[in-house]
N, C-alpha and C. Protein backbone atom coordinates (compact mmCIF):
# COMPACT_ATOMS: atom_id res chain seq x y z
N MET A 1 93.22 96.67 90.79
CA MET A 1 93.39 95.22 91.03
C MET A 1 94.36 94.83 90.07
N LEU A 2 95.28 93.86 90.38
CA LEU A 2 96.28 93.25 89.56
C LEU A 2 96.06 91.81 89.67
N THR A 3 96.32 91.06 88.48
CA THR A 3 96.16 89.78 88.55
C THR A 3 97.60 89.23 88.51
N ILE A 4 98.12 88.58 89.44
CA ILE A 4 99.58 88.20 89.49
C ILE A 4 99.55 86.76 89.97
N PRO A 5 100.27 85.96 89.19
CA PRO A 5 100.58 84.47 89.61
C PRO A 5 101.32 84.54 90.99
N ILE A 6 100.89 83.58 91.84
CA ILE A 6 101.61 83.49 93.13
C ILE A 6 102.13 82.10 93.30
N GLY A 7 103.23 81.98 94.30
CA GLY A 7 103.75 80.74 94.60
C GLY A 7 103.39 80.55 96.19
N HIS A 8 102.09 80.22 96.49
CA HIS A 8 101.58 80.31 97.81
C HIS A 8 102.11 79.29 98.67
N MET A 9 102.89 78.35 98.09
CA MET A 9 103.34 77.22 99.07
C MET A 9 104.61 77.58 99.73
N GLU A 10 105.20 78.76 99.51
CA GLU A 10 106.29 79.33 100.01
C GLU A 10 106.07 79.80 101.53
N GLY A 11 104.89 80.09 101.86
CA GLY A 11 104.69 80.56 103.18
C GLY A 11 103.57 81.61 103.20
N ASN A 12 103.39 82.20 104.45
CA ASN A 12 102.38 83.28 104.43
C ASN A 12 102.78 84.40 105.36
N TYR A 13 102.01 85.57 105.28
CA TYR A 13 102.57 86.55 106.25
C TYR A 13 101.79 86.52 107.64
N PHE A 14 102.69 86.70 108.63
CA PHE A 14 102.07 86.71 109.94
C PHE A 14 102.95 87.65 110.79
N CYS A 15 102.40 88.35 111.69
CA CYS A 15 103.12 89.33 112.60
C CYS A 15 102.25 89.40 113.98
N ASP A 16 103.01 90.07 114.92
CA ASP A 16 102.25 90.28 116.12
C ASP A 16 101.16 91.49 116.04
N GLU A 17 100.43 91.68 116.98
CA GLU A 17 99.36 92.68 116.97
C GLU A 17 99.88 94.12 116.80
N ALA A 18 101.08 94.43 117.48
CA ALA A 18 101.72 95.80 117.61
C ALA A 18 102.26 96.00 116.03
N THR A 19 102.77 95.01 115.51
CA THR A 19 103.31 95.23 114.16
C THR A 19 102.27 95.52 113.06
N LEU A 20 101.17 94.76 113.30
CA LEU A 20 99.94 94.84 112.34
C LEU A 20 99.35 96.27 112.45
N ALA A 21 99.27 96.71 113.79
CA ALA A 21 98.70 98.23 114.00
C ALA A 21 99.64 99.11 113.31
N GLU A 22 101.01 98.90 113.45
CA GLU A 22 102.02 99.79 112.84
C GLU A 22 101.74 99.82 111.21
N LEU A 23 101.62 98.65 110.69
CA LEU A 23 101.44 98.63 109.29
C LEU A 23 100.31 99.41 108.78
N LYS A 24 99.15 99.14 109.55
CA LYS A 24 97.94 99.88 109.29
C LYS A 24 98.05 101.40 109.37
N ARG A 25 98.58 101.76 110.52
CA ARG A 25 98.81 103.14 110.78
C ARG A 25 99.58 103.90 109.85
N ASP A 26 100.75 103.17 109.36
CA ASP A 26 101.55 103.78 108.45
C ASP A 26 101.25 103.51 106.97
N ASN A 27 100.08 102.94 106.72
CA ASN A 27 99.54 102.62 105.44
C ASN A 27 100.71 101.82 104.60
N ARG A 28 101.19 100.86 105.18
CA ARG A 28 102.36 100.04 104.57
C ARG A 28 101.88 98.62 104.06
N ILE A 29 100.53 98.39 104.11
CA ILE A 29 100.12 97.15 103.51
C ILE A 29 99.87 97.40 101.97
N VAL A 30 100.68 96.85 101.18
CA VAL A 30 100.81 97.21 99.72
C VAL A 30 99.67 96.38 98.89
N PHE A 31 99.76 95.02 99.14
CA PHE A 31 98.79 94.13 98.42
C PHE A 31 98.16 93.23 99.43
N ARG A 32 96.93 92.95 99.12
CA ARG A 32 96.07 91.99 99.77
C ARG A 32 95.47 90.98 98.69
N TYR A 33 95.36 89.75 99.19
CA TYR A 33 94.68 88.72 98.23
C TYR A 33 93.14 89.07 98.28
N SER A 34 92.65 89.02 97.06
CA SER A 34 91.15 89.33 96.79
C SER A 34 90.58 88.41 95.78
N ASN A 35 89.29 88.38 95.68
CA ASN A 35 88.62 87.64 94.68
C ASN A 35 88.56 88.48 93.35
N ALA A 36 88.06 87.93 92.29
CA ALA A 36 88.05 88.68 91.10
C ALA A 36 87.21 89.90 91.02
N GLN A 37 86.35 90.08 91.95
CA GLN A 37 85.60 91.32 92.14
C GLN A 37 86.25 92.32 93.05
N GLY A 38 87.52 92.08 93.52
CA GLY A 38 88.29 92.95 94.35
C GLY A 38 87.89 92.86 95.79
N GLU A 39 87.02 91.89 96.17
CA GLU A 39 86.53 91.71 97.53
C GLU A 39 87.69 90.94 98.34
N ILE A 40 88.07 91.42 99.58
CA ILE A 40 88.96 90.76 100.49
C ILE A 40 88.21 89.75 101.27
N THR A 41 88.34 88.46 100.96
CA THR A 41 87.49 87.49 101.63
C THR A 41 88.43 86.21 102.03
N PRO A 42 88.10 85.54 103.04
CA PRO A 42 88.89 84.44 103.46
C PRO A 42 89.08 83.43 102.37
N GLU A 43 88.16 83.22 101.44
CA GLU A 43 88.22 82.32 100.42
C GLU A 43 89.39 82.74 99.27
N ALA A 44 89.51 83.95 99.29
CA ALA A 44 90.54 84.61 98.36
C ALA A 44 92.07 84.40 98.91
N ASN A 45 92.20 84.11 100.08
CA ASN A 45 93.42 83.99 100.73
C ASN A 45 94.00 82.63 100.45
N PRO A 46 95.02 82.46 99.65
CA PRO A 46 95.56 81.01 99.35
C PRO A 46 96.40 80.37 100.29
N ASN A 47 96.88 81.02 101.29
CA ASN A 47 97.85 80.50 102.21
C ASN A 47 97.57 80.78 103.73
N GLY A 48 96.44 81.43 104.01
CA GLY A 48 96.17 81.76 105.53
C GLY A 48 96.90 82.95 106.00
N SER A 49 97.57 83.71 105.08
CA SER A 49 98.15 85.03 105.48
C SER A 49 97.24 85.91 106.24
N LEU A 50 97.89 86.56 107.33
CA LEU A 50 97.15 87.37 108.24
C LEU A 50 96.51 88.57 107.48
N GLU A 51 95.17 88.71 107.62
CA GLU A 51 94.34 89.80 106.98
C GLU A 51 94.45 89.84 105.55
N ASN A 52 94.74 88.68 104.88
CA ASN A 52 94.95 88.55 103.50
C ASN A 52 96.22 89.43 102.89
N ILE A 53 97.16 89.63 103.69
CA ILE A 53 98.27 90.52 103.36
C ILE A 53 99.22 89.69 102.45
N ALA A 54 99.39 90.27 101.26
CA ALA A 54 100.27 89.60 100.25
C ALA A 54 101.52 90.35 100.15
N ALA A 55 101.67 91.66 100.52
CA ALA A 55 102.86 92.39 100.46
C ALA A 55 102.78 93.70 101.32
N SER A 56 103.89 93.88 102.07
CA SER A 56 103.99 95.13 102.87
C SER A 56 105.27 95.88 102.55
N ALA A 57 105.19 97.18 102.84
CA ALA A 57 106.44 98.02 102.58
C ALA A 57 107.31 98.16 103.87
N ALA A 58 108.53 98.38 103.54
CA ALA A 58 109.53 98.68 104.60
C ALA A 58 109.23 100.02 105.15
N PRO A 59 109.64 100.47 106.31
CA PRO A 59 109.26 101.71 106.86
C PRO A 59 109.59 102.90 105.95
N ASP A 60 110.72 102.75 105.20
CA ASP A 60 111.08 103.79 104.36
C ASP A 60 110.62 103.65 102.90
N ALA A 61 109.88 102.67 102.72
CA ALA A 61 109.13 102.23 101.42
C ALA A 61 110.05 101.96 100.38
N THR A 62 111.30 101.51 100.65
CA THR A 62 112.27 101.28 99.66
C THR A 62 112.14 99.87 99.11
N CYS A 63 111.41 98.97 99.87
CA CYS A 63 111.22 97.65 99.29
C CYS A 63 109.91 97.09 99.82
N TRP A 64 109.38 96.10 99.06
CA TRP A 64 108.13 95.40 99.39
C TRP A 64 108.34 93.97 99.55
N ALA A 65 107.79 93.40 100.47
CA ALA A 65 108.11 91.81 100.72
C ALA A 65 106.77 91.18 100.88
């Protein structure tokens, strides 16, 4: 678990069901919002990001967004 300051007023992550399935299948979800205990909960999500996704990797893993 990393504690990182966020600028959550900039937007949130969203995608269609097919893209979400691809991210999960390819293990490309890099960071998720969690509470201090590491639990991924709706309350830990500061901006309504889909499935608490804070960052995902490009298909070739060269960048995170």
